[in-house]
Amino acid sequence: MIKPHFELMANYNAVMNKKICDSIASLSEDALWADKKAFFGSILGTLNHLVVGDLIWLARFGAHPSYIYNQPTSGFKALESLADFPSPTTLTQLLYLSAQDYTKNRQILDRIIVQFIGETVESDYSKVLTYTNTKGKVFNRSFSMLLQHFFNHQTHHRGQVTTLLNQIDIDIGETDLLMLIPDC
C-alpha cells in the first residue's frame, strides 16, 4: 500500500510549512526580500516559488483519469478549492508579497493537499497522468512518481529556506521526516 506514504508526506509538508510560517512571522519586509543569492533570490521569493509549484502540479493532478472519468460524487473534490487561488504562468511569479498573505494562503493550500491525498485510493497511484509542462511539452508519467516529485520539490526548496533562515540566526527546529514516522 502506497497511500500511507503519501499521507505521511502531506502531513510532513503541512507541519514543516507551519514551522517556516511561524519563523517568518516576525521578520521585517527587508529581511524577507533581501537577495540572498538563492535560486529564487530571497526567503519570500523562494516561498512563493513553492506555492507556484504546488499550484501548477495540483492543477495537473486535476487531469488524473480517476477524477475525470469517475462519477460526479467521486474524484478529488479538494482540487475544486484551487479555483480560489491564482493560476501561475511562470515559476518565478510572485503571488504573495507579505509574510501574512503567504502564511494565510500556504495554510489553506496545505489543507487542500492533505484532503486531496486523503481522497485518493490505491488504484489511483498506478495510473498514468498526461500533462503539459510550462513550455508546452506533453508528458505521460506515473502518477505516484509525479506525487513523489511534488513532495520532493517542496522538501528541496524548504531546505533552502531553512538555510536562509539559519543565516539570520533563525532555527526552525527539527525538520527530519523521521519525527513523523510512527513507531511500530
N, C-alpha and C. Protein backbone atom coordinates (compact mmCIF):
# COMPACT_ATOMS: atom_id res chain seq x y z
N MET A 1 0.84 -1.19 0.00
CA MET A 1 0.00 0.00 0.00
C MET A 1 0.88 1.25 0.00
N ILE A 2 0.60 2.12 -0.94
CA ILE A 2 1.41 3.32 -1.09
C ILE A 2 0.73 4.57 -0.50
N LYS A 3 -0.58 4.54 -0.37
CA LYS A 3 -1.29 5.72 0.13
C LYS A 3 -0.77 6.20 1.49
N PRO A 4 -0.49 5.32 2.46
CA PRO A 4 0.04 5.81 3.74
C PRO A 4 1.33 6.62 3.59
N HIS A 5 2.15 6.26 2.61
CA HIS A 5 3.37 7.03 2.34
C HIS A 5 3.03 8.47 1.97
N PHE A 6 2.08 8.63 1.07
CA PHE A 6 1.72 9.97 0.62
C PHE A 6 0.94 10.75 1.69
N GLU A 7 0.19 10.04 2.52
CA GLU A 7 -0.46 10.71 3.65
C GLU A 7 0.59 11.26 4.61
N LEU A 8 1.63 10.47 4.85
CA LEU A 8 2.74 10.92 5.70
C LEU A 8 3.41 12.15 5.08
N MET A 9 3.66 12.10 3.78
CA MET A 9 4.31 13.22 3.10
C MET A 9 3.45 14.48 3.15
N ALA A 10 2.15 14.34 2.97
CA ALA A 10 1.25 15.50 3.02
C ALA A 10 1.25 16.12 4.41
N ASN A 11 1.22 15.29 5.43
CA ASN A 11 1.25 15.79 6.81
C ASN A 11 2.60 16.43 7.13
N TYR A 12 3.67 15.79 6.71
CA TYR A 12 5.02 16.34 6.90
C TYR A 12 5.12 17.72 6.24
N ASN A 13 4.63 17.81 5.03
CA ASN A 13 4.62 19.07 4.29
C ASN A 13 3.92 20.16 5.10
N ALA A 14 2.74 19.85 5.62
CA ALA A 14 1.97 20.84 6.38
C ALA A 14 2.69 21.25 7.67
N VAL A 15 3.27 20.28 8.37
CA VAL A 15 3.98 20.57 9.62
C VAL A 15 5.19 21.46 9.34
N MET A 16 5.97 21.12 8.33
CA MET A 16 7.17 21.89 8.01
C MET A 16 6.82 23.30 7.53
N ASN A 17 5.79 23.40 6.72
CA ASN A 17 5.37 24.73 6.26
C ASN A 17 4.91 25.60 7.42
N LYS A 18 4.22 25.01 8.38
CA LYS A 18 3.79 25.78 9.55
C LYS A 18 4.99 26.28 10.33
N LYS A 19 5.99 25.43 10.48
CA LYS A 19 7.21 25.84 11.20
C LYS A 19 7.87 27.03 10.49
N ILE A 20 7.91 26.97 9.18
CA ILE A 20 8.51 28.08 8.43
C ILE A 20 7.64 29.34 8.57
N CYS A 21 6.34 29.18 8.45
CA CYS A 21 5.44 30.33 8.59
C CYS A 21 5.60 30.97 9.96
N ASP A 22 5.68 30.16 11.00
CA ASP A 22 5.89 30.70 12.35
C ASP A 22 7.22 31.43 12.44
N SER A 23 8.24 30.92 11.76
CA SER A 23 9.57 31.51 11.82
C SER A 23 9.69 32.83 11.09
N ILE A 24 8.89 33.02 10.04
CA ILE A 24 9.00 34.27 9.27
C ILE A 24 8.05 35.35 9.76
N ALA A 25 7.16 35.00 10.68
CA ALA A 25 6.12 35.94 11.12
C ALA A 25 6.68 37.25 11.65
N SER A 26 7.81 37.21 12.32
CA SER A 26 8.34 38.43 12.93
C SER A 26 9.43 39.09 12.10
N LEU A 27 9.71 38.57 10.92
CA LEU A 27 10.76 39.16 10.09
C LEU A 27 10.26 40.43 9.40
N SER A 28 11.16 41.36 9.22
CA SER A 28 10.84 42.59 8.51
C SER A 28 10.71 42.30 7.01
N GLU A 29 10.06 43.21 6.31
CA GLU A 29 9.96 43.08 4.85
C GLU A 29 11.35 43.05 4.23
N ASP A 30 12.26 43.86 4.77
CA ASP A 30 13.63 43.88 4.25
C ASP A 30 14.28 42.50 4.39
N ALA A 31 14.10 41.86 5.53
CA ALA A 31 14.69 40.53 5.74
C ALA A 31 14.04 39.49 4.83
N LEU A 32 12.74 39.59 4.62
CA LEU A 32 12.04 38.63 3.77
C LEU A 32 12.44 38.75 2.30
N TRP A 33 12.74 39.97 1.88
CA TRP A 33 13.02 40.22 0.47
C TRP A 33 14.50 40.40 0.16
N ALA A 34 15.38 40.34 1.16
CA ALA A 34 16.81 40.51 0.92
C ALA A 34 17.31 39.45 -0.05
N ASP A 35 18.04 39.89 -1.07
CA ASP A 35 18.56 38.96 -2.06
C ASP A 35 19.71 38.17 -1.43
N LYS A 36 19.46 36.89 -1.21
CA LYS A 36 20.45 36.00 -0.59
C LYS A 36 21.17 35.14 -1.62
N LYS A 37 21.00 35.47 -2.88
CA LYS A 37 21.65 34.74 -3.98
C LYS A 37 21.19 33.28 -4.04
N ALA A 38 20.00 33.00 -3.53
CA ALA A 38 19.40 31.67 -3.64
C ALA A 38 18.79 31.53 -5.04
N PHE A 39 18.33 30.34 -5.40
CA PHE A 39 17.73 30.13 -6.72
C PHE A 39 16.63 31.15 -7.01
N PHE A 40 15.85 31.48 -6.00
CA PHE A 40 14.74 32.42 -6.19
C PHE A 40 14.97 33.68 -5.37
N GLY A 41 16.23 34.01 -5.16
CA GLY A 41 16.62 35.27 -4.54
C GLY A 41 16.50 35.32 -3.04
N SER A 42 15.30 35.57 -2.59
CA SER A 42 15.03 35.86 -1.18
C SER A 42 14.25 34.73 -0.51
N ILE A 43 14.05 34.91 0.78
CA ILE A 43 13.21 33.97 1.53
C ILE A 43 11.81 33.94 0.95
N LEU A 44 11.19 35.10 0.80
CA LEU A 44 9.81 35.12 0.28
C LEU A 44 9.76 34.77 -1.20
N GLY A 45 10.81 35.08 -1.94
CA GLY A 45 10.87 34.65 -3.34
C GLY A 45 10.86 33.14 -3.45
N THR A 46 11.62 32.48 -2.60
CA THR A 46 11.67 31.02 -2.59
C THR A 46 10.35 30.42 -2.13
N LEU A 47 9.75 31.01 -1.10
CA LEU A 47 8.46 30.51 -0.62
C LEU A 47 7.36 30.70 -1.66
N ASN A 48 7.41 31.80 -2.40
CA ASN A 48 6.45 31.99 -3.49
C ASN A 48 6.63 30.91 -4.55
N HIS A 49 7.88 30.58 -4.87
CA HIS A 49 8.12 29.52 -5.85
C HIS A 49 7.50 28.20 -5.40
N LEU A 50 7.58 27.92 -4.12
CA LEU A 50 6.97 26.69 -3.59
C LEU A 50 5.47 26.67 -3.85
N VAL A 51 4.80 27.77 -3.58
CA VAL A 51 3.35 27.84 -3.81
C VAL A 51 3.06 27.74 -5.30
N VAL A 52 3.84 28.42 -6.12
CA VAL A 52 3.65 28.35 -7.58
C VAL A 52 3.76 26.91 -8.04
N GLY A 53 4.82 26.22 -7.61
CA GLY A 53 5.00 24.82 -8.00
C GLY A 53 3.84 23.95 -7.53
N ASP A 54 3.41 24.16 -6.30
CA ASP A 54 2.27 23.39 -5.78
C ASP A 54 1.02 23.62 -6.62
N LEU A 55 0.74 24.86 -6.93
CA LEU A 55 -0.48 25.18 -7.69
C LEU A 55 -0.42 24.59 -9.10
N ILE A 56 0.74 24.67 -9.73
CA ILE A 56 0.88 24.11 -11.07
C ILE A 56 0.66 22.60 -11.04
N TRP A 57 1.32 21.92 -10.08
CA TRP A 57 1.18 20.46 -10.02
C TRP A 57 -0.23 20.04 -9.61
N LEU A 58 -0.82 20.73 -8.66
CA LEU A 58 -2.18 20.36 -8.24
C LEU A 58 -3.17 20.54 -9.39
N ALA A 59 -2.98 21.57 -10.20
CA ALA A 59 -3.85 21.74 -11.38
C ALA A 59 -3.65 20.57 -12.35
N ARG A 60 -2.42 20.14 -12.52
CA ARG A 60 -2.16 18.98 -13.39
C ARG A 60 -2.80 17.72 -12.81
N PHE A 61 -2.72 17.57 -11.50
CA PHE A 61 -3.32 16.39 -10.87
C PHE A 61 -4.83 16.35 -11.08
N GLY A 62 -5.43 17.51 -11.33
CA GLY A 62 -6.86 17.57 -11.63
C GLY A 62 -7.22 16.88 -12.93
N ALA A 63 -6.23 16.58 -13.76
CA ALA A 63 -6.47 15.84 -15.00
C ALA A 63 -6.29 14.33 -14.82
N HIS A 64 -6.16 13.89 -13.57
CA HIS A 64 -5.99 12.46 -13.29
C HIS A 64 -7.20 11.69 -13.83
N PRO A 65 -6.97 10.55 -14.47
CA PRO A 65 -8.09 9.78 -15.04
C PRO A 65 -9.19 9.44 -14.03
N SER A 66 -8.86 9.21 -12.79
CA SER A 66 -9.89 8.89 -11.79
C SER A 66 -10.80 10.08 -11.54
N TYR A 67 -10.25 11.26 -11.64
CA TYR A 67 -11.03 12.47 -11.40
C TYR A 67 -11.93 12.78 -12.59
N ILE A 68 -11.41 12.63 -13.75
CA ILE A 68 -12.15 12.99 -14.96
C ILE A 68 -13.28 12.00 -15.25
N TYR A 69 -13.00 10.72 -15.13
CA TYR A 69 -13.95 9.71 -15.59
C TYR A 69 -14.85 9.14 -14.51
N ASN A 70 -14.56 9.40 -13.26
CA ASN A 70 -15.42 8.87 -12.20
C ASN A 70 -16.75 9.60 -12.16
N GLN A 71 -17.65 9.05 -11.41
CA GLN A 71 -18.96 9.68 -11.25
C GLN A 71 -18.81 11.00 -10.51
N PRO A 72 -19.77 11.90 -10.66
CA PRO A 72 -19.66 13.22 -10.03
C PRO A 72 -19.49 13.18 -8.51
N THR A 73 -19.88 12.09 -7.88
CA THR A 73 -19.76 12.02 -6.41
C THR A 73 -18.40 11.50 -5.97
N SER A 74 -17.51 11.22 -6.92
CA SER A 74 -16.18 10.74 -6.54
C SER A 74 -15.12 11.66 -7.14
N GLY A 75 -13.89 11.29 -6.97
CA GLY A 75 -12.82 12.11 -7.50
C GLY A 75 -12.19 12.98 -6.44
N PHE A 76 -11.42 13.93 -6.87
CA PHE A 76 -10.64 14.77 -5.98
C PHE A 76 -11.34 16.10 -5.74
N LYS A 77 -12.30 16.11 -4.86
CA LYS A 77 -13.08 17.31 -4.58
C LYS A 77 -12.20 18.43 -4.01
N ALA A 78 -11.14 18.06 -3.30
CA ALA A 78 -10.26 19.07 -2.70
C ALA A 78 -9.70 20.01 -3.78
N LEU A 79 -9.46 19.48 -4.96
CA LEU A 79 -8.87 20.29 -6.02
C LEU A 79 -9.81 21.37 -6.53
N GLU A 80 -11.09 21.23 -6.27
CA GLU A 80 -12.03 22.27 -6.67
C GLU A 80 -11.76 23.58 -5.94
N SER A 81 -11.16 23.49 -4.75
CA SER A 81 -10.82 24.69 -3.97
C SER A 81 -9.71 25.51 -4.62
N LEU A 82 -9.02 24.95 -5.58
CA LEU A 82 -7.96 25.68 -6.26
C LEU A 82 -8.49 26.85 -7.08
N ALA A 83 -9.78 26.85 -7.34
CA ALA A 83 -10.39 27.95 -8.09
C ALA A 83 -10.23 29.28 -7.35
N ASP A 84 -10.02 29.23 -6.04
CA ASP A 84 -9.83 30.43 -5.24
C ASP A 84 -8.40 30.95 -5.27
N PHE A 85 -7.50 30.22 -5.92
CA PHE A 85 -6.09 30.60 -5.99
C PHE A 85 -5.76 31.13 -7.38
N PRO A 86 -4.68 31.91 -7.47
CA PRO A 86 -4.24 32.33 -8.81
C PRO A 86 -3.75 31.14 -9.61
N SER A 87 -3.70 31.29 -10.93
CA SER A 87 -3.15 30.27 -11.81
C SER A 87 -1.81 30.78 -12.33
N PRO A 88 -0.72 30.37 -11.70
CA PRO A 88 0.58 30.90 -12.09
C PRO A 88 0.96 30.49 -13.51
N THR A 89 1.72 31.36 -14.15
CA THR A 89 2.16 31.09 -15.52
C THR A 89 3.67 30.95 -15.62
N THR A 90 4.40 31.39 -14.59
CA THR A 90 5.86 31.24 -14.58
C THR A 90 6.30 30.74 -13.21
N LEU A 91 7.44 30.10 -13.17
CA LEU A 91 7.95 29.54 -11.91
C LEU A 91 8.49 30.60 -10.96
N THR A 92 8.69 31.80 -11.45
CA THR A 92 9.21 32.88 -10.61
C THR A 92 8.14 33.89 -10.23
N GLN A 93 6.90 33.58 -10.54
CA GLN A 93 5.81 34.51 -10.26
C GLN A 93 5.67 34.76 -8.76
N LEU A 94 5.49 36.02 -8.40
CA LEU A 94 5.31 36.40 -7.00
C LEU A 94 3.81 36.54 -6.73
N LEU A 95 3.28 35.62 -5.97
CA LEU A 95 1.85 35.60 -5.67
C LEU A 95 1.54 36.33 -4.37
N TYR A 96 2.45 36.28 -3.40
CA TYR A 96 2.21 36.84 -2.08
C TYR A 96 3.39 37.72 -1.68
N LEU A 97 3.10 38.97 -1.38
CA LEU A 97 4.15 39.95 -1.16
C LEU A 97 4.43 40.22 0.31
N SER A 98 3.69 39.57 1.21
CA SER A 98 3.94 39.74 2.64
C SER A 98 3.90 38.38 3.32
N ALA A 99 4.54 38.31 4.49
CA ALA A 99 4.53 37.06 5.26
C ALA A 99 3.11 36.68 5.64
N GLN A 100 2.29 37.67 5.96
CA GLN A 100 0.90 37.39 6.38
C GLN A 100 0.09 36.78 5.24
N ASP A 101 0.17 37.37 4.05
CA ASP A 101 -0.58 36.82 2.91
C ASP A 101 -0.06 35.44 2.53
N TYR A 102 1.26 35.29 2.54
CA TYR A 102 1.84 33.99 2.23
C TYR A 102 1.35 32.93 3.23
N THR A 103 1.45 33.23 4.52
CA THR A 103 1.10 32.27 5.56
C THR A 103 -0.37 31.86 5.47
N LYS A 104 -1.25 32.83 5.30
CA LYS A 104 -2.68 32.53 5.21
C LYS A 104 -2.96 31.57 4.05
N ASN A 105 -2.40 31.85 2.90
CA ASN A 105 -2.65 31.03 1.72
C ASN A 105 -1.90 29.71 1.75
N ARG A 106 -0.72 29.69 2.35
CA ARG A 106 0.05 28.46 2.49
C ARG A 106 -0.72 27.46 3.35
N GLN A 107 -1.31 27.92 4.44
CA GLN A 107 -2.05 27.04 5.33
C GLN A 107 -3.30 26.48 4.66
N ILE A 108 -3.98 27.30 3.87
CA ILE A 108 -5.15 26.81 3.12
C ILE A 108 -4.70 25.77 2.10
N LEU A 109 -3.63 26.06 1.39
CA LEU A 109 -3.12 25.14 0.38
C LEU A 109 -2.70 23.81 1.00
N ASP A 110 -2.08 23.87 2.17
CA ASP A 110 -1.68 22.63 2.84
C ASP A 110 -2.88 21.78 3.24
N ARG A 111 -3.95 22.42 3.66
CA ARG A 111 -5.18 21.66 3.97
C ARG A 111 -5.75 21.00 2.71
N ILE A 112 -5.68 21.71 1.58
CA ILE A 112 -6.14 21.14 0.31
C ILE A 112 -5.31 19.92 -0.05
N ILE A 113 -3.99 20.02 0.12
CA ILE A 113 -3.09 18.91 -0.21
C ILE A 113 -3.40 17.69 0.66
N VAL A 114 -3.55 17.90 1.95
CA VAL A 114 -3.88 16.79 2.86
C VAL A 114 -5.21 16.16 2.46
N GLN A 115 -6.20 16.99 2.18
CA GLN A 115 -7.51 16.47 1.77
C GLN A 115 -7.42 15.73 0.44
N PHE A 116 -6.69 16.29 -0.51
CA PHE A 116 -6.51 15.66 -1.82
C PHE A 116 -5.92 14.25 -1.67
N ILE A 117 -4.86 14.13 -0.91
CA ILE A 117 -4.25 12.81 -0.71
C ILE A 117 -5.24 11.88 0.01
N GLY A 118 -5.99 12.42 0.95
CA GLY A 118 -7.00 11.62 1.64
C GLY A 118 -8.07 11.08 0.70
N GLU A 119 -8.34 11.80 -0.37
CA GLU A 119 -9.36 11.39 -1.33
C GLU A 119 -8.87 10.36 -2.34
N THR A 120 -7.56 10.15 -2.41
CA THR A 120 -7.04 9.16 -3.36
C THR A 120 -7.32 7.75 -2.85
N VAL A 121 -7.30 6.82 -3.78
CA VAL A 121 -7.39 5.40 -3.45
C VAL A 121 -6.19 4.69 -4.08
N GLU A 122 -5.87 3.53 -3.59
CA GLU A 122 -4.68 2.81 -4.04
C GLU A 122 -4.58 2.70 -5.56
N SER A 123 -5.70 2.43 -6.22
CA SER A 123 -5.64 2.25 -7.69
C SER A 123 -5.26 3.54 -8.42
N ASP A 124 -5.45 4.70 -7.80
CA ASP A 124 -5.06 5.97 -8.43
C ASP A 124 -3.57 6.04 -8.69
N TYR A 125 -2.78 5.44 -7.80
CA TYR A 125 -1.33 5.59 -7.86
C TYR A 125 -0.70 4.84 -9.03
N SER A 126 -1.37 3.85 -9.56
CA SER A 126 -0.82 3.08 -10.68
C SER A 126 -1.20 3.67 -12.04
N LYS A 127 -1.95 4.73 -12.04
CA LYS A 127 -2.40 5.33 -13.30
C LYS A 127 -1.31 6.23 -13.89
N VAL A 128 -1.47 6.51 -15.16
CA VAL A 128 -0.57 7.42 -15.88
C VAL A 128 -1.28 8.77 -16.00
N LEU A 129 -0.55 9.82 -15.71
CA LEU A 129 -1.09 11.18 -15.83
C LEU A 129 -0.47 11.83 -17.06
N THR A 130 -1.30 12.36 -17.91
CA THR A 130 -0.83 13.14 -19.06
C THR A 130 -0.94 14.61 -18.69
N TYR A 131 0.15 15.34 -18.87
CA TYR A 131 0.15 16.76 -18.53
C TYR A 131 1.05 17.52 -19.50
N THR A 132 0.86 18.81 -19.52
CA THR A 132 1.68 19.70 -20.34
C THR A 132 2.48 20.59 -19.41
N ASN A 133 3.79 20.67 -19.64
CA ASN A 133 4.62 21.50 -18.77
C ASN A 133 4.50 22.98 -19.15
N THR A 134 5.22 23.83 -18.44
CA THR A 134 5.10 25.28 -18.65
C THR A 134 5.66 25.72 -20.00
N LYS A 135 6.40 24.83 -20.67
CA LYS A 135 6.93 25.16 -22.00
C LYS A 135 6.09 24.55 -23.12
N GLY A 136 4.96 23.93 -22.74
CA GLY A 136 4.06 23.37 -23.74
C GLY A 136 4.35 21.94 -24.16
N LYS A 137 5.31 21.29 -23.53
CA LYS A 137 5.64 19.91 -23.88
C LYS A 137 4.74 18.94 -23.12
N VAL A 138 4.25 17.91 -23.81
CA VAL A 138 3.33 16.94 -23.22
C VAL A 138 4.11 15.73 -22.69
N PHE A 139 3.72 15.27 -21.50
CA PHE A 139 4.34 14.11 -20.86
C PHE A 139 3.27 13.13 -20.40
N ASN A 140 3.63 11.86 -20.35
CA ASN A 140 2.81 10.80 -19.79
C ASN A 140 3.67 10.12 -18.74
N ARG A 141 3.32 10.31 -17.46
CA ARG A 141 4.16 9.79 -16.39
C ARG A 141 3.31 9.15 -15.30
N SER A 142 3.97 8.30 -14.55
CA SER A 142 3.33 7.61 -13.43
C SER A 142 2.85 8.63 -12.40
N PHE A 143 1.58 8.56 -12.04
CA PHE A 143 1.00 9.47 -11.05
C PHE A 143 1.75 9.38 -9.73
N SER A 144 2.06 8.16 -9.28
CA SER A 144 2.76 8.03 -8.00
C SER A 144 4.14 8.67 -8.05
N MET A 145 4.84 8.55 -9.16
CA MET A 145 6.16 9.16 -9.29
C MET A 145 6.05 10.69 -9.34
N LEU A 146 5.00 11.19 -9.98
CA LEU A 146 4.79 12.64 -10.01
C LEU A 146 4.47 13.18 -8.62
N LEU A 147 3.68 12.43 -7.86
CA LEU A 147 3.42 12.84 -6.46
C LEU A 147 4.71 12.84 -5.66
N GLN A 148 5.56 11.85 -5.89
CA GLN A 148 6.84 11.82 -5.18
C GLN A 148 7.66 13.06 -5.52
N HIS A 149 7.67 13.43 -6.81
CA HIS A 149 8.37 14.65 -7.22
C HIS A 149 7.76 15.88 -6.55
N PHE A 150 6.45 15.94 -6.51
CA PHE A 150 5.71 17.06 -5.89
C PHE A 150 6.20 17.28 -4.45
N PHE A 151 6.24 16.22 -3.66
CA PHE A 151 6.67 16.35 -2.27
C PHE A 151 8.18 16.57 -2.16
N ASN A 152 8.96 15.94 -3.03
CA ASN A 152 10.41 16.15 -3.01
C ASN A 152 10.76 17.60 -3.35
N HIS A 153 10.05 18.18 -4.30
CA HIS A 153 10.28 19.57 -4.68
C HIS A 153 10.07 20.49 -3.49
N GLN A 154 9.03 20.24 -2.73
CA GLN A 154 8.75 21.05 -1.54
C GLN A 154 9.89 20.92 -0.53
N THR A 155 10.32 19.69 -0.28
CA THR A 155 11.38 19.45 0.69
C THR A 155 12.67 20.13 0.25
N HIS A 156 12.98 20.02 -1.02
CA HIS A 156 14.20 20.63 -1.57
C HIS A 156 14.23 22.14 -1.30
N HIS A 157 13.18 22.83 -1.67
CA HIS A 157 13.18 24.29 -1.52
C HIS A 157 12.97 24.72 -0.06
N ARG A 158 12.26 23.94 0.73
CA ARG A 158 12.18 24.26 2.16
C ARG A 158 13.56 24.15 2.81
N GLY A 159 14.36 23.21 2.33
CA GLY A 159 15.74 23.11 2.82
C GLY A 159 16.52 24.38 2.52
N GLN A 160 16.30 24.95 1.35
CA GLN A 160 16.95 26.21 1.02
C GLN A 160 16.48 27.32 1.96
N VAL A 161 15.18 27.35 2.23
CA VAL A 161 14.64 28.39 3.11
C VAL A 161 15.19 28.23 4.52
N THR A 162 15.27 26.99 5.01
CA THR A 162 15.81 26.81 6.37
C THR A 162 17.27 27.26 6.43
N THR A 163 18.01 27.08 5.35
CA THR A 163 19.39 27.58 5.31
C THR A 163 19.40 29.10 5.34
N LEU A 164 18.54 29.73 4.55
CA LEU A 164 18.47 31.20 4.54
C LEU A 164 18.07 31.73 5.92
N LEU A 165 17.14 31.04 6.57
CA LEU A 165 16.73 31.47 7.92
C LEU A 165 17.88 31.26 8.91
N ASN A 166 18.58 30.15 8.78
CA ASN A 166 19.71 29.89 9.67
C ASN A 166 20.79 30.96 9.53
N GLN A 167 20.96 31.48 8.33
CA GLN A 167 21.95 32.52 8.09
C GLN A 167 21.61 33.82 8.84
N ILE A 168 20.35 33.99 9.22
CA ILE A 168 19.97 35.17 10.02
C ILE A 168 19.57 34.74 11.44
N ASP A 169 20.17 33.63 11.87
CA ASP A 169 20.04 33.13 13.24
C ASP A 169 18.62 32.71 13.64
N ILE A 170 17.87 32.16 12.69
CA ILE A 170 16.56 31.60 13.00
C ILE A 170 16.63 30.10 12.74
N ASP A 171 16.42 29.34 13.80
CA ASP A 171 16.44 27.88 13.73
C ASP A 171 15.00 27.41 13.85
N ILE A 172 14.48 26.75 12.81
CA ILE A 172 13.08 26.31 12.87
C ILE A 172 12.92 25.00 13.63
N GLY A 173 14.00 24.41 14.08
CA GLY A 173 13.91 23.17 14.85
C GLY A 173 14.04 21.96 13.96
N GLU A 174 13.60 20.84 14.49
CA GLU A 174 13.70 19.54 13.81
C GLU A 174 12.95 19.57 12.49
N THR A 175 13.62 19.10 11.43
CA THR A 175 12.98 19.07 10.12
C THR A 175 12.97 17.68 9.49
N ASP A 176 13.50 16.69 10.17
CA ASP A 176 13.56 15.35 9.60
C ASP A 176 12.18 14.70 9.53
N LEU A 177 11.92 14.06 8.42
CA LEU A 177 10.69 13.28 8.24
C LEU A 177 10.56 12.24 9.34
N LEU A 178 11.68 11.73 9.81
CA LEU A 178 11.69 10.69 10.83
C LEU A 178 10.82 11.03 12.03
N MET A 179 10.72 12.32 12.37
CA MET A 179 9.94 12.70 13.56
C MET A 179 8.44 12.40 13.41
N LEU A 180 7.97 12.22 12.16
CA LEU A 180 6.55 11.93 11.94
C LEU A 180 6.27 10.46 11.62
N ILE A 181 7.31 9.67 11.46
CA ILE A 181 7.10 8.24 11.16
C ILE A 181 6.72 7.55 12.47
N PRO A 182 5.54 6.92 12.49
CA PRO A 182 5.08 6.30 13.74
C PRO A 182 5.89 5.06 14.11
N ASP A 183 5.96 4.82 15.42
CA ASP A 183 6.57 3.59 15.92
C ASP A 183 5.68 2.40 15.55
N CYS A 184 6.29 1.28 15.33
CA CYS A 184 5.53 0.06 15.02
C CYS A 184 5.42 -0.82 16.25
